[in-house]
């Protein structure tokens, strides 16, 4: 007789932008769709999804997640809604032409909702600790850590996503918010 393992509890923090920015950066959108499919099959339990700026301004990443979540049936599948976090106003925009764009059309105002929601999830003792998957700049998690209210026992692992193919010294997600990257990679949480 085999016993079913409990689903992995997962929180995704992402800078979705495949639908509204260039249409070319669809990897985060696909990760969200895959997570919804895995949640539906009870392989994972998607406990939350937070949105940040990164490859695109928060104004675009927030616009992107709305139809994506709606058309994929996110709320019906998970009973959660995405929460807005920090954008370019709190980051060092890492690519020169994006920095120029941000000067012309400044990003919308940041929201503490994502860091607050991550903190609240970490403190919920009725749930197993969550794995936090950071697909964009780690600003939302860093702000939750900085608050001093994040409960480490409620976080199983933190996974930072990135890739650098141009031989630069840092990944785009790290370059977008160096201070937050430093906070998150300190050895406080299993990685």
Protein backbone atom coordinates (compact mmCIF):
# COMPACT_ATOMS: atom_id res chain seq x y z
CA UNK A 1 0.00 0.00 0.00
CA UNK A 2 1.38 3.43 -0.95
CA UNK A 3 0.64 6.55 0.98
CA UNK A 4 0.07 9.86 -0.71
CA UNK A 5 2.58 12.53 0.16
CA UNK A 6 1.14 15.86 1.25
CA UNK A 7 1.30 18.43 -1.54
CA UNK A 8 4.27 20.80 -1.44
CA UNK A 9 3.11 24.17 -0.19
CA UNK A 10 4.27 26.84 -2.62
CA UNK A 11 4.25 30.64 -2.77
CA UNK A 12 5.25 32.23 -6.10
CA UNK A 13 6.58 35.77 -6.36
CA UNK A 14 6.79 36.77 -10.00
CA UNK A 15 7.14 39.56 -12.55
CA UNK A 16 4.71 38.24 -15.16
CA UNK A 17 4.86 40.24 -18.35
CA UNK A 18 4.22 37.98 -21.32
CA UNK A 19 0.84 39.44 -22.19
CA UNK A 20 1.31 43.17 -21.80
CA UNK A 21 4.91 44.19 -22.08
CA UNK A 22 6.85 42.78 -25.00
CA UNK A 23 4.95 39.54 -25.31
CA UNK A 24 8.33 37.86 -25.50
CA UNK A 25 8.93 37.27 -21.80
CA UNK A 26 6.39 34.55 -21.17
CA UNK A 27 8.43 32.29 -18.85
CA UNK A 28 6.83 33.61 -15.65
CA UNK A 29 3.36 33.39 -17.20
CA UNK A 30 4.05 29.74 -18.10
CA UNK A 31 5.30 29.03 -14.57
CA UNK A 32 2.04 30.40 -13.14
CA UNK A 33 0.00 28.22 -15.52
CA UNK A 34 2.10 25.16 -14.63
CA UNK A 35 1.61 25.88 -10.90
CA UNK A 36 -2.16 26.08 -11.40
CA UNK A 37 -2.14 22.73 -13.22
CA UNK A 38 -0.03 21.13 -10.45
CA UNK A 39 -2.31 22.61 -7.79
CA UNK A 40 -5.36 21.21 -9.57
CA UNK A 41 -3.72 17.75 -9.53
CA UNK A 42 -2.88 18.17 -5.82
CA UNK A 43 0.85 17.84 -6.43
CA UNK A 44 1.41 21.28 -4.93
CA UNK A 45 -0.72 23.57 -2.85
CA UNK A 46 -0.39 27.06 -4.27
CA UNK A 47 -0.71 29.16 -1.13
CA UNK A 48 -0.13 32.53 -2.71
CA UNK A 49 1.08 34.52 -5.66
CA UNK A 50 2.63 37.94 -5.43
CA UNK A 51 3.53 40.29 -8.24
CA UNK A 52 6.56 42.57 -8.52
CA UNK A 53 8.16 44.73 -11.15
CA UNK A 54 11.26 43.42 -12.87
CA UNK A 55 11.43 42.67 -16.58
CA UNK A 56 8.63 45.17 -16.87
CA UNK A 57 7.22 47.87 -14.59
CA UNK A 58 4.73 46.89 -11.91
CA UNK A 59 2.03 48.68 -13.89
CA UNK A 60 2.53 46.11 -16.68
CA UNK A 61 3.19 43.01 -14.55
CA UNK A 62 0.05 43.73 -12.52
CA UNK A 63 -1.96 44.19 -15.74
CA UNK A 64 -0.55 40.90 -17.04
CA UNK A 65 -1.54 38.71 -14.10
CA UNK A 66 -5.19 39.85 -14.09
CA UNK A 67 -6.36 38.30 -17.41
CA UNK A 68 -3.91 35.42 -17.04
CA UNK A 69 -5.35 34.49 -13.64
CA UNK A 70 -8.92 34.99 -14.82
CA UNK A 71 -8.65 33.02 -18.07
CA UNK A 72 -6.75 30.17 -16.40
CA UNK A 73 -9.40 29.92 -13.68
CA UNK A 74 -6.92 30.79 -10.93
CA UNK A 75 -9.45 31.86 -8.33
CA UNK A 76 -11.69 28.85 -9.00
CA UNK A 77 -8.73 26.44 -8.80
CA UNK A 78 -6.94 27.90 -5.77
CA UNK A 79 -9.41 30.22 -4.05
CA UNK A 80 -6.66 32.86 -3.86
CA UNK A 81 -6.08 36.11 -5.68
CA UNK A 82 -2.71 37.59 -6.62
CA UNK A 83 -1.34 40.39 -4.44
CA UNK A 84 0.53 43.44 -5.68
CA UNK A 85 3.99 44.27 -4.40
CA UNK A 86 6.96 46.44 -5.20
CA UNK A 87 7.93 47.77 -8.60
CA UNK A 88 10.49 49.94 -10.29
CA UNK A 89 10.07 52.82 -7.82
CA UNK A 90 11.85 50.64 -5.23
CA UNK A 91 14.38 49.10 -7.59
CA UNK A 92 17.39 49.96 -9.67
CA UNK A 93 16.05 49.41 -13.18
CA UNK A 94 18.79 47.16 -14.54
CA UNK A 95 18.59 47.67 -18.30
CA UNK A 96 19.46 51.09 -19.73
CA UNK A 97 16.53 51.42 -22.11
CA UNK A 98 14.12 50.31 -19.36
CA UNK A 99 15.66 52.88 -17.03
CA UNK A 100 15.08 55.52 -19.71
CA UNK A 101 11.47 54.34 -20.11
CA UNK A 102 10.97 54.58 -16.34
CA UNK A 103 12.17 58.20 -16.34
CA UNK A 104 9.66 59.12 -19.03
CA UNK A 105 6.75 57.15 -17.60
CA UNK A 106 7.38 56.44 -13.93
CA UNK A 107 6.03 53.16 -12.60
CA UNK A 108 2.96 53.08 -10.40
CA UNK A 109 3.16 53.34 -6.63
CA UNK A 110 4.48 50.29 -4.78
CA UNK A 111 2.23 48.21 -2.57
CA UNK A 112 3.12 46.51 0.71
CA UNK A 113 0.36 43.94 0.14
CA UNK A 114 2.75 41.26 -1.17
CA UNK A 115 5.29 41.50 1.64
CA UNK A 116 2.46 41.59 4.19
CA UNK A 117 0.81 38.51 2.64
CA UNK A 118 4.13 36.60 2.57
CA UNK A 119 4.66 37.50 6.24
CA UNK A 120 1.13 36.42 7.20
CA UNK A 121 1.58 33.11 5.34
CA UNK A 122 4.84 32.45 7.22
CA UNK A 123 3.05 32.95 10.53
CA UNK A 124 0.08 30.66 9.77
CA UNK A 125 0.74 27.65 12.02
CA UNK A 126 -2.23 25.71 10.60
CA UNK A 127 -0.18 25.14 7.41
CA UNK A 128 3.08 23.33 6.75
CA UNK A 129 6.02 25.63 5.93
CA UNK A 130 5.95 27.04 2.40
CA UNK A 131 8.53 26.88 -0.34
CA UNK A 132 8.94 30.39 -1.77
CA UNK A 133 9.78 30.56 -5.47
CA UNK A 134 11.14 33.96 -6.52
CA UNK A 135 10.85 34.34 -10.30
CA UNK A 136 11.59 38.07 -10.37
CA UNK A 137 13.60 40.49 -8.26
CA UNK A 138 13.39 39.41 -4.59
CA UNK A 139 12.06 42.77 -3.36
CA UNK A 140 8.77 41.52 -1.90
CA UNK A 141 10.45 38.80 0.17
CA UNK A 142 13.26 41.13 1.27
CA UNK A 143 10.69 43.65 2.53
CA UNK A 144 8.94 40.85 4.45
CA UNK A 145 12.27 39.84 6.00
CA UNK A 146 13.15 43.46 6.79
CA UNK A 147 9.84 43.91 8.62
CA UNK A 148 11.12 41.57 11.32
CA UNK A 149 7.73 39.83 11.32
CA UNK A 150 8.52 36.99 8.90
CA UNK A 151 8.53 33.69 10.80
CA UNK A 152 11.43 31.57 9.57
CA UNK A 153 9.74 28.37 10.75
CA UNK A 154 6.95 29.05 8.24
CA UNK A 155 9.40 29.03 5.32
CA UNK A 156 10.73 25.66 4.18
CA UNK A 157 13.00 26.87 1.36
CA UNK A 158 13.58 29.94 -0.78
CA UNK A 159 14.37 29.43 -4.45
CA UNK A 160 15.77 32.33 -6.46
CA UNK A 161 15.37 32.15 -10.22
CA UNK A 162 17.83 33.70 -12.57
CA UNK A 163 20.12 33.19 -15.44
CA UNK A 164 22.90 35.23 -16.93
CA UNK A 165 23.92 34.62 -20.51
CA UNK A 166 25.70 37.91 -21.27
CA UNK A 167 28.73 37.38 -18.97
CA UNK A 168 27.66 40.26 -16.74
CA UNK A 169 28.47 39.94 -13.06
CA UNK A 170 24.87 39.64 -11.83
CA UNK A 171 21.61 38.18 -13.04
CA UNK A 172 18.91 40.66 -14.12
CA UNK A 173 16.78 39.87 -11.06
CA UNK A 174 19.72 40.60 -8.75
CA UNK A 175 20.77 43.71 -10.70
CA UNK A 176 17.23 45.06 -10.48
CA UNK A 177 17.41 45.15 -6.68
CA UNK A 178 20.86 44.42 -5.32
CA UNK A 179 19.96 45.34 -1.74
CA UNK A 180 17.03 42.94 -1.68
CA UNK A 181 19.13 40.18 -3.22
CA UNK A 182 21.68 40.61 -0.42
CA UNK A 183 18.96 40.38 2.24
CA UNK A 184 17.43 37.23 0.75
CA UNK A 185 20.67 35.33 0.14
CA UNK A 186 21.93 35.80 3.69
CA UNK A 187 21.92 32.38 5.38
CA UNK A 188 18.77 32.93 7.42
CA UNK A 189 16.59 30.61 5.34
CA UNK A 190 17.23 27.24 3.69
CA UNK A 191 17.90 27.76 -0.01
